Protein backbone atom coordinates (compact mmCIF):
# COMPACT_ATOMS: atom_id res chain seq x y z
CA UNK A 1 0.00 0.00 0.00
CA UNK A 2 2.76 2.44 0.95
CA UNK A 3 4.54 1.82 -2.37
CA UNK A 4 1.34 2.59 -4.31
CA UNK A 5 0.91 5.89 -2.48
CA UNK A 6 4.51 6.86 -3.30
CA UNK A 7 3.98 5.87 -6.96
CA UNK A 8 0.83 7.96 -7.21
CA UNK A 9 2.49 11.09 -5.85
CA UNK A 10 5.49 10.52 -8.13
CA UNK A 11 3.20 10.45 -11.14
CA UNK A 12 1.57 13.70 -10.10
CA UNK A 13 4.86 15.55 -9.66
CA UNK A 14 6.78 14.13 -12.61
CA UNK A 15 3.96 14.51 -15.13
CA UNK A 16 2.59 17.86 -14.02
CA UNK A 17 4.47 19.77 -16.75
CA UNK A 18 3.19 20.67 -20.20
CA UNK A 19 2.89 17.63 -22.47
CA UNK A 20 4.99 17.65 -25.61
CA UNK A 21 6.88 15.20 -27.77
CA UNK A 22 10.63 14.95 -27.36
CA UNK A 23 12.04 16.46 -30.58
CA UNK A 24 14.86 13.94 -30.70
CA UNK A 25 12.29 11.16 -31.11
CA UNK A 26 11.49 12.36 -34.66
CA UNK A 27 15.06 13.30 -35.67
CA UNK A 28 14.45 16.77 -37.17
CA UNK A 29 18.20 17.08 -37.82
CA UNK A 30 17.75 14.69 -40.74
CA UNK A 31 16.24 17.55 -42.75
CA UNK A 32 19.32 19.66 -42.12
CA UNK A 33 21.21 17.42 -44.58
CA UNK A 34 19.59 18.93 -47.67
CA UNK A 35 21.59 22.17 -47.82
CA UNK A 36 18.45 24.30 -47.41
CA UNK A 37 17.85 26.53 -44.40
CA UNK A 38 14.26 27.22 -45.42
CA UNK A 39 13.30 23.55 -45.22
CA UNK A 40 14.79 23.20 -41.75
CA UNK A 41 12.92 26.31 -40.62
CA UNK A 42 9.59 24.97 -41.89
CA UNK A 43 10.27 21.64 -40.18
CA UNK A 44 10.69 23.46 -36.85
CA UNK A 45 7.58 25.56 -37.46
CA UNK A 46 5.55 22.43 -38.12
CA UNK A 47 6.82 20.87 -34.89
CA UNK A 48 5.77 23.93 -32.94
CA UNK A 49 2.55 25.00 -34.66
CA UNK A 50 0.84 22.14 -36.51
CA UNK A 51 -2.63 21.62 -35.05
CA UNK A 52 -3.02 17.96 -36.05
CA UNK A 53 0.17 17.17 -34.16
CA UNK A 54 -1.09 19.07 -31.13
CA UNK A 55 -4.27 17.01 -31.24
CA UNK A 56 -2.16 13.85 -31.05
CA UNK A 57 -0.31 15.28 -28.04
CA UNK A 58 -3.62 16.10 -26.38
CA UNK A 59 -4.79 12.52 -26.88
CA UNK A 60 -1.62 11.29 -25.18
CA UNK A 61 -2.39 13.56 -22.24
CA UNK A 62 -5.89 12.09 -22.01
CA UNK A 63 -4.52 8.55 -21.78
CA UNK A 64 -1.90 9.65 -19.28
CA UNK A 65 -4.56 11.09 -17.00
CA UNK A 66 -6.68 7.96 -17.47
CA UNK A 67 -3.77 5.87 -16.21
CA UNK A 68 -3.48 8.12 -13.15
CA UNK A 69 -7.25 7.87 -12.63
CA UNK A 70 -7.05 4.07 -12.72
CA UNK A 71 -4.18 4.07 -10.25
CA UNK A 72 -6.30 6.15 -7.89
CA UNK A 73 -8.87 3.34 -7.79
CA UNK A 74 -6.27 1.10 -6.14
CA UNK A 75 -6.00 3.42 -3.13
CA UNK A 76 -8.43 3.96 -0.23
CA UNK A 77 -10.96 6.76 -0.45
CA UNK A 78 -11.83 9.10 2.40
CA UNK A 79 -14.89 11.34 2.65
CA UNK A 80 -16.60 13.60 5.14
CA UNK A 81 -20.00 15.27 5.17
CA UNK A 82 -21.76 17.75 7.45
CA UNK A 83 -25.43 17.01 8.20
CA UNK A 84 -28.31 18.37 10.23
CA UNK A 85 -30.47 15.75 11.92
CA UNK A 86 -33.95 16.25 13.33
CA UNK A 87 -35.43 13.15 14.99
CA UNK A 88 -38.26 12.04 17.29
CA UNK A 89 -37.35 9.19 19.63
CA UNK A 90 -39.28 7.54 22.48
CA UNK A 91 -38.76 8.97 25.96
CA UNK A 92 -36.85 6.40 27.98
CA UNK A 93 -35.56 6.65 31.52
CA UNK A 94 -31.87 7.50 31.80
CA UNK A 95 -31.57 7.70 28.00
CA UNK A 96 -31.85 11.16 26.53
CA UNK A 97 -31.21 12.12 22.92
CA UNK A 98 -31.51 15.58 21.45
CA UNK A 99 -34.17 16.14 18.82
CA UNK A 100 -32.00 18.53 16.79
CA UNK A 101 -28.42 17.59 16.16
CA UNK A 102 -25.38 18.13 13.97
CA UNK A 103 -23.65 15.06 12.56
CA UNK A 104 -20.13 14.93 11.10
CA UNK A 105 -19.38 11.46 9.67
CA UNK A 106 -15.91 10.46 8.38
CA UNK A 107 -15.97 7.47 6.05
CA UNK A 108 -13.17 5.36 4.58
CA UNK A 109 -13.60 2.80 1.80
CA UNK A 110 -11.03 0.41 0.43
CA UNK A 111 -11.32 -2.46 -1.99
CA UNK A 112 -8.67 -4.91 -0.89
CA UNK A 113 -7.05 -5.88 -4.18
CA UNK A 114 -6.20 -9.41 -3.11
CA UNK A 115 -6.78 -10.78 -6.62
CA UNK A 116 -5.06 -7.81 -8.34
CA UNK A 117 -8.17 -6.82 -10.29
CA UNK A 118 -7.54 -3.10 -9.96
CA UNK A 119 -3.81 -3.56 -10.55
CA UNK A 120 -4.56 -5.18 -13.89
CA UNK A 121 -6.93 -2.36 -14.80
CA UNK A 122 -4.14 0.13 -14.11
CA UNK A 123 -1.75 -1.93 -16.24
CA UNK A 124 -4.30 -1.92 -19.05
CA UNK A 125 -4.66 1.87 -18.87
CA UNK A 126 -0.89 2.23 -18.87
CA UNK A 127 -0.64 0.16 -22.07
CA UNK A 128 -3.19 2.47 -23.71
CA UNK A 129 -1.07 5.43 -22.66
CA UNK A 130 2.10 3.86 -24.09
CA UNK A 131 0.30 3.03 -27.35
CA UNK A 132 -0.90 6.64 -27.65
CA UNK A 133 2.70 7.84 -27.29
CA UNK A 134 3.74 5.76 -30.29
CA UNK A 135 0.72 7.02 -32.21
CA UNK A 136 1.78 10.58 -31.45
CA UNK A 137 5.29 9.85 -32.69
CA UNK A 138 3.89 8.41 -35.93
CA UNK A 139 1.79 11.54 -36.46
CA UNK A 140 4.83 13.80 -36.06
CA UNK A 141 6.99 11.67 -38.36
CA UNK A 142 4.32 11.69 -41.06
CA UNK A 143 3.94 15.45 -40.60
CA UNK A 144 7.64 16.18 -41.11
CA UNK A 145 7.76 13.87 -44.12
CA UNK A 146 4.77 15.69 -45.64
CA UNK A 147 6.31 19.11 -45.01
CA UNK A 148 9.56 18.09 -46.69
CA UNK A 149 7.75 16.48 -49.64
CA UNK A 150 5.52 19.50 -50.22
CA UNK A 151 8.47 21.89 -49.95
CA UNK A 152 10.51 19.86 -52.45
CA UNK A 153 7.58 19.79 -54.87
CA UNK A 154 7.34 23.58 -54.59
CA UNK A 155 11.00 23.88 -55.55
CA UNK A 156 10.37 21.51 -58.45
CA UNK A 157 7.52 23.70 -59.68
CA UNK A 158 9.76 26.75 -59.53
CA UNK A 159 11.98 25.08 -62.12
CA UNK A 160 9.11 23.69 -64.18
CA UNK A 161 7.43 27.10 -64.35
CA UNK A 162 10.64 28.67 -65.67
CA UNK A 163 10.93 25.96 -68.33
CA UNK A 164 7.25 26.26 -69.22
CA UNK A 165 7.71 30.01 -69.64
CA UNK A 166 10.60 29.38 -72.02
CA UNK A 167 8.41 27.06 -74.07
CA UNK A 168 5.75 29.76 -74.28
CA UNK A 169 8.42 32.13 -75.63
CA UNK A 170 9.53 29.51 -78.17
CA UNK A 171 6.03 28.86 -79.47
CA UNK A 172 5.38 32.60 -79.59
CA UNK A 173 8.42 33.04 -81.85
CA UNK A 174 7.34 30.09 -84.00
CA UNK A 175 3.85 31.55 -84.36
CA UNK A 176 5.25 34.96 -85.32
CA UNK A 177 7.50 33.31 -87.92
CA UNK A 178 4.61 31.27 -89.34
CA UNK A 179 2.40 34.35 -89.40
CA UNK A 180 4.94 36.08 -91.67
CA UNK A 181 5.12 33.00 -93.89
CA UNK A 182 1.33 32.88 -94.06
CA UNK A 183 1.18 36.48 -95.22
CA UNK A 184 3.71 35.62 -97.92
CA UNK A 185 1.55 32.59 -98.79
CA UNK A 186 4.46 30.23 -98.05
CA UNK A 187 2.37 28.10 -95.66
CA UNK A 188 -1.31 27.36 -95.39
CA UNK A 189 -3.91 27.95 -92.70
CA UNK A 190 -3.43 24.49 -91.16
CA UNK A 191 0.21 25.04 -90.22
CA UNK A 192 -0.58 28.49 -88.85
CA UNK A 193 -3.43 27.08 -86.75
CA UNK A 194 -1.20 24.29 -85.46
CA UNK A 195 1.39 26.84 -84.35
CA UNK A 196 -1.30 28.87 -82.60
CA UNK A 197 -2.66 25.70 -80.99
CA UNK A 198 0.79 24.72 -79.69
CA UNK A 199 1.15 28.16 -78.13
CA UNK A 200 -2.18 27.83 -76.33
CA UNK A 201 -1.21 24.37 -75.08
CA UNK A 202 2.05 25.78 -73.71
CA UNK A 203 0.18 28.63 -72.00
CA UNK A 204 -2.29 26.20 -70.43
CA UNK A 205 0.55 24.02 -69.18
CA UNK A 206 2.16 27.07 -67.60
CA UNK A 207 -1.09 28.04 -65.88
CA UNK A 208 -1.58 24.49 -64.60
CA UNK A 209 1.89 24.52 -63.08
CA UNK A 210 1.21 27.86 -61.39
CA UNK A 211 -2.12 26.56 -60.10
CA UNK A 212 -0.61 23.38 -58.67
CA UNK A 213 2.25 25.29 -57.06
CA UNK A 214 -0.16 27.72 -55.43
CA UNK A 215 -2.07 24.77 -53.97
CA UNK A 216 1.19 23.34 -52.62
CA UNK A 217 2.11 26.69 -51.09
CA UNK A 218 -1.22 26.81 -49.27
CA UNK A 219 -0.69 23.24 -48.10
CA UNK A 220 2.76 24.11 -46.76
CA UNK A 221 1.34 27.11 -44.93
CA UNK A 222 -1.29 24.96 -43.21
CA UNK A 223 1.21 22.22 -42.35
CA UNK A 224 3.40 24.78 -40.60
CA UNK A 225 0.43 26.21 -38.72
CA UNK A 226 0.14 29.42 -40.74
CA UNK A 227 -2.70 31.06 -42.62
CA UNK A 228 -3.05 30.10 -46.28
CA UNK A 229 -3.18 33.81 -47.19
CA UNK A 230 0.56 34.15 -46.52
CA UNK A 231 1.69 32.08 -49.52
CA UNK A 232 3.27 35.10 -51.19
CA UNK A 233 5.66 35.51 -48.26
CA UNK A 234 6.86 31.89 -48.20
CA UNK A 235 10.59 31.95 -48.82
CA UNK A 236 12.45 29.02 -50.34
CA UNK A 237 15.80 27.99 -51.73
CA UNK A 238 16.82 26.89 -55.21
CA UNK A 239 16.07 23.49 -56.62
CA UNK A 240 19.49 23.21 -58.23
CA UNK A 241 21.17 23.59 -54.81
CA UNK A 242 18.76 21.24 -53.05
CA UNK A 243 20.51 17.90 -52.55
CA UNK A 244 20.82 15.20 -49.90
CA UNK A 245 24.23 15.37 -48.23
CA UNK A 246 24.00 12.13 -46.24
CA UNK A 247 24.43 8.48 -47.12
CA UNK A 248 21.65 5.98 -47.73
CA UNK A 249 22.12 2.49 -46.26
CA UNK A 250 21.85 -0.49 -48.58
CA UNK A 251 19.79 -2.35 -46.01
CA UNK A 252 17.90 -1.60 -42.81
CA UNK A 253 18.34 -3.67 -39.66
CA UNK A 254 15.31 -5.57 -38.43
CA UNK A 255 15.57 -3.84 -35.03
CA UNK A 256 14.91 -0.52 -36.73
CA UNK A 257 11.94 -1.87 -38.67
CA UNK A 258 10.26 -3.47 -35.67
CA UNK A 259 10.77 -0.37 -33.52
CA UNK A 260 8.65 1.73 -35.88
CA UNK A 261 5.89 3.64 -34.06
CA UNK A 262 3.06 1.76 -35.77
CA UNK A 263 4.62 -1.62 -34.93
CA UNK A 264 5.22 -0.61 -31.32
CA UNK A 265 1.69 0.76 -31.04
CA UNK A 266 0.25 -2.52 -32.31
CA UNK A 267 2.43 -4.41 -29.82
CA UNK A 268 1.24 -2.30 -26.88
CA UNK A 269 -2.39 -2.70 -27.90
CA UNK A 270 -1.87 -6.47 -28.08
CA UNK A 271 -0.38 -6.45 -24.58
CA UNK A 272 -3.35 -4.42 -23.37
CA UNK A 273 -5.80 -6.90 -24.91
CA UNK A 274 -4.06 -9.76 -23.10
CA UNK A 275 -4.46 -7.92 -19.79
CA UNK A 276 -8.12 -7.19 -20.58
CA UNK A 277 -8.75 -10.93 -21.02
CA UNK A 278 -7.23 -11.52 -17.59
CA UNK A 279 -9.44 -8.79 -16.12
CA UNK A 280 -12.53 -10.36 -17.68
CA UNK A 281 -11.66 -13.71 -16.08
CA UNK A 282 -11.17 -12.11 -12.65
CA UNK A 283 -14.63 -10.55 -12.87
CA UNK A 284 -15.97 -14.00 -11.97
CA UNK A 285 -14.15 -13.86 -8.61
CA UNK A 286 -15.40 -12.09 -5.47
CA UNK A 287 -14.45 -8.57 -4.41
CA UNK A 288 -13.22 -7.71 -0.92
CA UNK A 289 -14.29 -4.39 0.61
CA UNK A 290 -13.44 -2.66 3.86
CA UNK A 291 -15.53 0.26 5.11
CA UNK A 292 -14.79 2.33 8.19
CA UNK A 293 -17.10 4.91 9.78
CA UNK A 294 -16.47 7.43 12.55
CA UNK A 295 -19.33 9.82 13.29
CA UNK A 296 -19.11 12.85 15.56
CA UNK A 297 -22.49 14.20 16.69
CA UNK A 298 -24.37 16.39 19.15
CA UNK A 299 -27.14 13.86 19.78
CA UNK A 300 -25.64 12.03 22.72
CA UNK A 301 -24.35 13.71 25.86
CA UNK A 302 -20.74 14.74 25.94
CA UNK A 303 -18.48 17.02 23.96
CA UNK A 304 -18.64 16.99 20.16
CA UNK A 305 -15.27 15.35 19.44
CA UNK A 306 -15.22 13.04 22.45
CA UNK A 307 -15.03 9.27 22.05
CA UNK A 308 -18.02 8.81 24.40
CA UNK A 309 -20.40 10.75 22.12
CA UNK A 310 -19.10 9.41 18.78
CA UNK A 311 -20.19 6.42 16.74
CA UNK A 312 -17.55 4.15 15.12
CA UNK A 313 -17.91 1.06 12.99
CA UNK A 314 -15.89 -1.08 10.61
CA UNK A 315 -17.25 -3.47 8.03
CA UNK A 316 -15.14 -5.98 6.12
CA UNK A 317 -16.41 -8.67 3.82
CA UNK A 318 -16.51 -10.29 0.41
CA UNK A 319 -19.23 -9.95 -2.21
CA UNK A 320 -19.90 -12.31 -5.08
CA UNK A 321 -22.26 -11.87 -8.04
CA UNK A 322 -24.50 -14.92 -8.44
CA UNK A 323 -26.40 -14.13 -11.62
CA UNK A 324 -25.64 -11.32 -14.10
CA UNK A 325 -27.63 -12.48 -17.11
CA UNK A 326 -24.60 -13.87 -18.93
CA UNK A 327 -22.88 -10.50 -19.20
CA UNK A 328 -19.59 -11.63 -17.69
CA UNK A 329 -19.34 -14.63 -19.99
CA UNK A 330 -20.12 -12.45 -23.00
CA UNK A 331 -17.53 -9.88 -21.91
CA UNK A 332 -14.87 -12.59 -21.60
CA UNK A 333 -15.62 -13.83 -25.11
CA UNK A 334 -15.53 -10.26 -26.42
CA UNK A 335 -12.10 -9.66 -24.91
CA UNK A 336 -10.77 -12.94 -26.30
CA UNK A 337 -12.05 -12.09 -29.78
CA UNK A 338 -10.52 -8.63 -29.52
CA UNK A 339 -7.19 -10.18 -28.57
CA UNK A 340 -7.31 -12.43 -31.66
CA UNK A 341 -8.14 -9.40 -33.82
CA UNK A 342 -5.23 -7.38 -32.47
CA UNK A 343 -2.89 -10.35 -32.77
CA UNK A 344 -3.65 -10.62 -36.49
CA UNK A 345 -3.34 -6.85 -36.83
CA UNK A 346 0.08 -6.97 -35.18
CA UNK A 347 1.28 -9.66 -37.58
CA UNK A 348 -0.04 -7.70 -40.57
CA UNK A 349 1.62 -4.52 -39.31
CA UNK A 350 4.95 -6.35 -39.13
CA UNK A 351 4.59 -7.54 -42.72
CA UNK A 352 3.59 -4.08 -43.93
CA UNK A 353 6.55 -2.51 -42.13
CA UNK A 354 9.06 -4.81 -43.85
CA UNK A 355 7.37 -4.27 -47.21
CA UNK A 356 7.36 -0.47 -46.88
CA UNK A 357 11.04 -0.31 -45.92
CA UNK A 358 12.06 -2.60 -48.78
CA UNK A 359 9.87 -0.59 -51.17
CA UNK A 360 11.52 2.66 -50.10
CA UNK A 361 15.00 1.20 -50.61
CA UNK A 362 13.92 -0.18 -53.99
CA UNK A 363 12.61 3.23 -55.08
CA UNK A 364 15.82 4.96 -54.05
CA UNK A 365 17.97 2.40 -55.83
CA UNK A 366 16.15 2.50 -59.17
CA UNK A 367 15.18 6.19 -59.17
CA UNK A 368 18.82 7.09 -58.52
CA UNK A 369 19.79 5.15 -61.65
CA UNK A 370 16.95 6.73 -63.63
CA UNK A 371 18.01 10.19 -62.51
CA UNK A 372 21.60 9.49 -63.53
CA UNK A 373 20.48 8.20 -66.95
CA UNK A 374 18.26 11.24 -67.48
CA UNK A 375 21.15 13.58 -66.73
CA UNK A 376 23.25 11.69 -69.28
CA UNK A 377 20.44 11.97 -71.81
CA UNK A 378 20.35 15.72 -71.16
CA UNK A 379 24.06 15.94 -71.99
CA UNK A 380 23.50 14.19 -75.31
CA UNK A 381 20.59 16.46 -76.12
CA UNK A 382 22.69 19.49 -75.22
CA UNK A 383 25.30 18.36 -77.75
CA UNK A 384 22.57 17.92 -80.36
CA UNK A 385 21.27 21.41 -79.60
CA UNK A 386 24.79 22.82 -80.02
CA UNK A 387 24.97 21.17 -83.44
CA UNK A 388 21.60 22.64 -84.38
CA UNK A 389 22.80 26.03 -83.19
CA UNK A 390 25.82 25.90 -85.49
CA UNK A 391 23.59 24.89 -88.41
CA UNK A 392 21.28 27.80 -87.65
CA UNK A 393 24.18 30.24 -87.54
CA UNK A 394 25.36 28.96 -90.93
CA UNK A 395 21.84 29.33 -92.31
CA UNK A 396 21.45 25.60 -92.97
CA UNK A 397 18.21 25.35 -90.95
CA UNK A 398 15.40 27.82 -90.36
CA UNK A 399 14.42 29.57 -87.15
CA UNK A 400 11.40 27.30 -86.46
CA UNK A 401 13.58 24.21 -86.89
CA UNK A 402 16.11 25.48 -84.39
CA UNK A 403 13.34 26.49 -81.98
CA UNK A 404 11.84 23.00 -82.20
CA UNK A 405 15.24 21.56 -81.24
CA UNK A 406 15.38 23.97 -78.33
CA UNK A 407 11.89 22.85 -77.30
CA UNK A 408 13.04 19.21 -77.22
CA UNK A 409 15.98 20.20 -75.05
CA UNK A 410 13.62 21.96 -72.62
CA UNK A 411 11.44 18.84 -72.49
CA UNK A 412 14.43 16.78 -71.36
CA UNK A 413 15.35 19.50 -68.85
CA UNK A 414 11.84 19.14 -67.48
CA UNK A 415 12.28 15.37 -67.28
CA UNK A 416 15.57 15.85 -65.43
CA UNK A 417 13.90 18.11 -62.87
CA UNK A 418 11.14 15.56 -62.33
CA UNK A 419 13.49 12.59 -61.88
CA UNK A 420 15.61 14.53 -59.41
CA UNK A 421 12.52 15.51 -57.45
CA UNK A 422 11.31 11.92 -57.34
CA UNK A 423 14.69 10.77 -56.05
CA UNK A 424 14.69 13.42 -53.32
CA UNK A 425 11.14 12.60 -52.23
CA UNK A 426 12.19 8.96 -51.85
CA UNK A 427 14.55 10.00 -49.05
CA UNK A 428 11.60 11.42 -47.12
CA UNK A 429 9.67 8.22 -47.74
CA UNK A 430 12.56 6.19 -46.31
CA UNK A 431 12.73 8.55 -43.30
CA UNK A 432 9.07 7.84 -42.63
CA UNK A 433 9.24 4.08 -43.14
CA UNK A 434 12.16 3.60 -40.71
CA UNK A 435 10.47 5.67 -38.01
CA UNK A 436 12.87 8.63 -38.34
CA UNK A 437 15.90 6.45 -37.51
CA UNK A 438 17.95 7.48 -40.51
């Protein structure tokens, strides 16, 4: 009993501070490896301001208090009440009681936890609290991964918008050239219309890119806990300077995989379900209660707080339910079925964790090769463009022909930007799948 009292007071003092996730648990320093101060700043803003993450922290606090509440049920309870009493009693010789009196009863109740029913309930609540901590960690890891992914996509769109603007300029020049040819009756209406159509397609593509980037900017603002109206003030680095400075492991240890927040949460919930089955079994056993009563009053002669005028009693016994309509049996079967459900969920979570980590490593491996090949293809196309440039300067090819070659080069530049972005996003995916242990 004394140990439980000490434990209760320790919980109150240790956990009385503001609840918040330990930053080191989600490894925000990982995002400092991308040579971009803006990204690291937005990561910190998300940690401090994101409302979804704060909701997860609040849920953890709820489970923490529930565990403390359950622990309180293991301890005795004390109560006192002040009462006025007006009574009419028979007149007996040598026995006088006052008709108006003040009564002050002190009552103590304690359920002797001989079968550890309440202890198991506290253990069950503690498992829920531990599971909520892992859920909170998973929310924060997913948040930081989303912030980094959105930010990288914004940088990608910066480059794509520039390239799309160059294509609009190219098709504008081609249309102007074809318009002159049309006036000279060198080309027909069809070619002129096709040139005009290509220009409109390029303009629409540019507008789509601007639209999608604006949506991403608003998403980044919300993820960092800011108003979506501030998108014009969101600063960012350059995509060409944005690169991962760390090393990527070829394989991930199983200890890292099985310590992921979702795996640990499933494990804690399975442990809780096992305890709940034990609690359901113990519900068939009797409960042992001790009740003490000490009543001070002004009915009997004597001073108010004297032993002679007070009433004291103690009651100790066991109670056993005889018939509950089958509820206890049904509850036991429910808890067993829930345990089986969570056991299968735990096994599936393990399989999914291994698959996601291997998928992330696979994406990094192949997308790195694709990005390298695309860069090499860009070099070849650059050489081809240089050849076309020399032909144009010698007058061997026309302006539209050279501009079409330039357009092809821009298309491969666009592809290079996209493959680099995909490779970078894969790093954030790996960060998420290994539970920030990267």
